[in-house]
Amino acid sequence: MMSPEDAKPNPHFARPPYRAEEFTPGWAGVMNANGFNCLTFPHKPGAVITSIENARLIADRWNSA
């Protein structure tokens, strides 16, 4: 699982506010204002999902930045 500290919003879709959304149990993303999963991990290209717990942490961190 990728660390929340490594997460960055996709620069083309970085539109706050952000919210965590669980797709299926164990699979979650961070949605932008338009409802698009904008979660990325620069050190792991192609990784766009995480746990719901991490997605919540990431969304909170991005919203307070």
Protein backbone atom coordinates (compact mmCIF):
# COMPACT_ATOMS: atom_id res chain seq x y z
CA MET A 1 0.00 0.00 0.00
CA MET A 2 1.28 3.46 -0.87
CA SER A 3 1.95 5.92 1.93
CA PRO A 4 -0.40 8.93 2.25
CA GLU A 5 2.65 11.19 2.48
CA ASP A 6 3.67 10.17 -1.07
CA ALA A 7 0.28 11.04 -2.59
CA LYS A 8 -0.16 13.99 -4.96
CA PRO A 9 -3.22 15.15 -6.89
CA ASN A 10 -2.89 14.71 -10.63
CA PRO A 11 -1.87 18.22 -11.74
CA HIS A 12 -4.46 18.28 -14.55
CA PHE A 13 -7.30 17.41 -12.15
CA ALA A 14 -6.22 19.22 -8.96
CA ARG A 15 -9.55 20.88 -8.18
CA PRO A 16 -10.47 21.06 -4.49
CA PRO A 17 -12.33 20.29 -2.41
CA TYR A 18 -11.25 16.67 -2.22
CA ARG A 19 -13.12 13.74 -0.68
CA ALA A 20 -12.37 10.08 -0.12
CA GLU A 21 -14.55 7.55 -1.89
CA GLU A 22 -14.54 3.79 -1.47
CA PHE A 23 -15.11 1.99 -4.79
CA THR A 24 -15.30 -1.53 -3.35
CA PRO A 25 -14.08 -2.88 0.00
CA GLY A 26 -10.35 -2.23 0.16
CA TRP A 27 -10.22 0.03 -2.91
CA ALA A 28 -10.60 3.81 -2.57
CA GLY A 29 -9.59 6.99 -4.32
CA VAL A 30 -9.55 10.72 -3.71
CA MET A 31 -12.14 12.55 -5.74
CA ASN A 32 -11.81 16.16 -6.87
CA ALA A 33 -14.60 18.75 -7.03
CA ASN A 34 -15.80 17.22 -10.32
CA GLY A 35 -15.97 13.68 -8.91
CA PHE A 36 -12.85 12.45 -10.72
CA ASN A 37 -10.30 10.27 -8.92
CA CYS A 38 -7.21 12.50 -9.01
CA LEU A 39 -5.03 10.39 -6.69
CA THR A 40 -1.49 9.67 -7.87
CA PHE A 41 1.74 8.44 -6.33
CA PRO A 42 4.69 9.95 -8.24
CA HIS A 43 7.09 7.18 -7.17
CA LYS A 44 4.66 4.50 -8.40
CA PRO A 45 3.30 5.61 -11.80
CA GLY A 46 -0.13 4.18 -12.50
CA ALA A 47 -1.05 3.69 -8.83
CA VAL A 48 -4.34 5.53 -8.26
CA ILE A 49 -6.00 3.63 -5.40
CA THR A 50 -5.43 3.15 -1.69
CA SER A 51 -7.35 2.11 1.40
CA ILE A 52 -10.33 4.20 2.54
CA GLU A 53 -8.41 5.16 5.68
CA ASN A 54 -5.49 6.49 3.62
CA ALA A 55 -7.84 8.20 1.17
CA ARG A 56 -9.47 10.09 4.06
CA LEU A 57 -6.07 11.16 5.40
CA ILE A 58 -4.99 12.29 1.94
CA ALA A 59 -8.19 14.25 1.26
CA ASP A 60 -7.96 15.97 4.65
CA ARG A 61 -4.31 16.86 4.07
CA TRP A 62 -4.95 18.21 0.56
CA ASN A 63 -7.96 20.23 1.71
CA SER A 64 -5.97 21.89 4.48
CA ALA A 65 -2.95 22.72 2.28
